[in-house]
């Protein structure tokens, strides 16, 4: 059995996970933008109904999380090109 040196192993082709491919990232970005729009409509509905003012944190949290994912995906996609 031949022992490989570390220098020989450095030139292997990198294996990219399926979730780090461009189509998967674009699909994630589309769902994050859809969730962001949904949360904006939720905040508008909560503000229109005084009875639901205590529950504004639900669509607000959804908006913050989806905005974080959207910004993260945009930075990664722009960094690739």
C-alpha atoms as a PDB file:
ATOM      1  CA  UNK A   1       0.000   0.000   0.000  1.00  0.00           C
ATOM      2  CA  UNK A   2       1.398   3.369  -1.005  1.00  0.00           C
ATOM      3  CA  UNK A   3       1.370   6.120   1.581  1.00  0.00           C
ATOM      4  CA  UNK A   4       0.257   9.498   0.222  1.00  0.00           C
ATOM      5  CA  UNK A   5       1.959  12.650   1.299  1.00  0.00           C
ATOM      6  CA  UNK A   6       0.056  15.709   2.465  1.00  0.00           C
ATOM      7  CA  UNK A   7       1.204  17.684  -0.571  1.00  0.00           C
ATOM      8  CA  UNK A   8      -0.545  15.202  -2.861  1.00  0.00           C
ATOM      9  CA  UNK A   9      -3.813  15.564  -0.949  1.00  0.00           C
ATOM     10  CA  UNK A  10      -3.952  19.360  -1.343  1.00  0.00           C
ATOM     11  CA  UNK A  11      -4.765  19.227  -5.036  1.00  0.00           C
ATOM     12  CA  UNK A  12      -7.983  17.292  -4.718  1.00  0.00           C
ATOM     13  CA  UNK A  13     -11.159  18.800  -6.039  1.00  0.00           C
ATOM     14  CA  UNK A  14     -13.246  20.351  -3.280  1.00  0.00           C
ATOM     15  CA  UNK A  15     -16.608  18.707  -2.673  1.00  0.00           C
ATOM     16  CA  UNK A  16     -19.322  21.327  -2.351  1.00  0.00           C
ATOM     17  CA  UNK A  17     -22.311  20.314  -0.196  1.00  0.00           C
ATOM     18  CA  UNK A  18     -25.701  20.428  -1.920  1.00  0.00           C
ATOM     19  CA  UNK A  19     -26.965  23.198   0.355  1.00  0.00           C
ATOM     20  CA  UNK A  20     -24.067  25.443  -0.670  1.00  0.00           C
ATOM     21  CA  UNK A  21     -24.872  25.398  -4.386  1.00  0.00           C
ATOM     22  CA  UNK A  22     -26.298  28.398  -6.206  1.00  0.00           C
ATOM     23  CA  UNK A  23     -29.777  26.914  -6.911  1.00  0.00           C
ATOM     24  CA  UNK A  24     -30.236  25.886  -3.271  1.00  0.00           C
ATOM     25  CA  UNK A  25     -29.142  29.308  -2.057  1.00  0.00           C
ATOM     26  CA  UNK A  26     -31.473  31.059  -4.508  1.00  0.00           C
ATOM     27  CA  UNK A  27     -34.362  28.880  -3.338  1.00  0.00           C
ATOM     28  CA  UNK A  28     -33.548  29.693   0.286  1.00  0.00           C
ATOM     29  CA  UNK A  29     -33.365  33.377  -0.615  1.00  0.00           C
ATOM     30  CA  UNK A  30     -36.778  33.207  -2.304  1.00  0.00           C
ATOM     31  CA  UNK A  31     -38.370  31.574   0.742  1.00  0.00           C
ATOM     32  CA  UNK A  32     -36.730  34.085   3.084  1.00  0.00           C
ATOM     33  CA  UNK A  33     -38.049  37.018   1.037  1.00  0.00           C
ATOM     34  CA  UNK A  34     -41.524  35.438   1.003  1.00  0.00           C
ATOM     35  CA  UNK A  35     -41.382  35.038   4.795  1.00  0.00           C
ATOM     36  CA  UNK A  36     -40.242  38.661   5.112  1.00  0.00           C
ATOM     37  CA  UNK A  37     -43.213  39.878   3.083  1.00  0.00           C
ATOM     38  CA  UNK A  38     -45.544  37.657   5.094  1.00  0.00           C
ATOM     39  CA  UNK A  39     -44.208  39.143   8.317  1.00  0.00           C
ATOM     40  CA  UNK A  40     -44.671  42.692   7.017  1.00  0.00           C
ATOM     41  CA  UNK A  41     -48.312  41.915   6.244  1.00  0.00           C
ATOM     42  CA  UNK A  42     -48.600  40.391   9.735  1.00  0.00           C
ATOM     43  CA  UNK A  43     -47.230  43.526  11.370  1.00  0.00           C
ATOM     44  CA  UNK A  44     -49.672  45.638   9.356  1.00  0.00           C
ATOM     45  CA  UNK A  45     -52.573  43.404  10.426  1.00  0.00           C
ATOM     46  CA  UNK A  46     -51.529  43.586  14.079  1.00  0.00           C
ATOM     47  CA  UNK A  47     -51.293  47.367  13.973  1.00  0.00           C
ATOM     48  CA  UNK A  48     -54.763  47.611  12.409  1.00  0.00           C
ATOM     49  CA  UNK A  49     -56.403  45.548  15.154  1.00  0.00           C
ATOM     50  CA  UNK A  50     -55.979  46.996  18.670  1.00  0.00           C
ATOM     51  CA  UNK A  51     -56.920  43.669  20.258  1.00  0.00           C
ATOM     52  CA  UNK A  52     -53.761  42.009  18.821  1.00  0.00           C
ATOM     53  CA  UNK A  53     -51.188  44.666  19.783  1.00  0.00           C
ATOM     54  CA  UNK A  54     -49.675  42.370  22.416  1.00  0.00           C
ATOM     55  CA  UNK A  55     -48.822  39.787  19.753  1.00  0.00           C
ATOM     56  CA  UNK A  56     -46.774  42.069  17.503  1.00  0.00           C
ATOM     57  CA  UNK A  57     -43.634  40.204  18.567  1.00  0.00           C
ATOM     58  CA  UNK A  58     -44.612  37.144  16.496  1.00  0.00           C
ATOM     59  CA  UNK A  59     -44.522  38.744  13.027  1.00  0.00           C
ATOM     60  CA  UNK A  60     -41.707  41.023  14.209  1.00  0.00           C
ATOM     61  CA  UNK A  61     -39.529  38.067  15.166  1.00  0.00           C
ATOM     62  CA  UNK A  62     -40.346  36.340  11.888  1.00  0.00           C
ATOM     63  CA  UNK A  63     -39.343  39.493  10.022  1.00  0.00           C
ATOM     64  CA  UNK A  64     -36.052  39.859  11.878  1.00  0.00           C
ATOM     65  CA  UNK A  65     -35.116  36.225  11.305  1.00  0.00           C
ATOM     66  CA  UNK A  66     -36.040  36.244   7.618  1.00  0.00           C
ATOM     67  CA  UNK A  67     -34.216  39.546   7.097  1.00  0.00           C
ATOM     68  CA  UNK A  68     -31.106  38.025   8.690  1.00  0.00           C
ATOM     69  CA  UNK A  69     -31.266  35.023   6.360  1.00  0.00           C
ATOM     70  CA  UNK A  70     -31.891  37.269   3.349  1.00  0.00           C
ATOM     71  CA  UNK A  71     -28.878  39.478   4.092  1.00  0.00           C
ATOM     72  CA  UNK A  72     -26.676  36.453   4.768  1.00  0.00           C
ATOM     73  CA  UNK A  73     -27.650  34.758   1.498  1.00  0.00           C
ATOM     74  CA  UNK A  74     -27.179  37.960  -0.500  1.00  0.00           C
ATOM     75  CA  UNK A  75     -23.696  38.464   0.930  1.00  0.00           C
ATOM     76  CA  UNK A  76     -22.717  34.884   0.113  1.00  0.00           C
ATOM     77  CA  UNK A  77     -24.112  35.046  -3.421  1.00  0.00           C
ATOM     78  CA  UNK A  78     -22.503  38.405  -4.170  1.00  0.00           C
ATOM     79  CA  UNK A  79     -19.202  37.163  -2.775  1.00  0.00           C
ATOM     80  CA  UNK A  80     -19.188  34.269  -5.221  1.00  0.00           C
ATOM     81  CA  UNK A  81     -19.554  36.370  -8.332  1.00  0.00           C
END
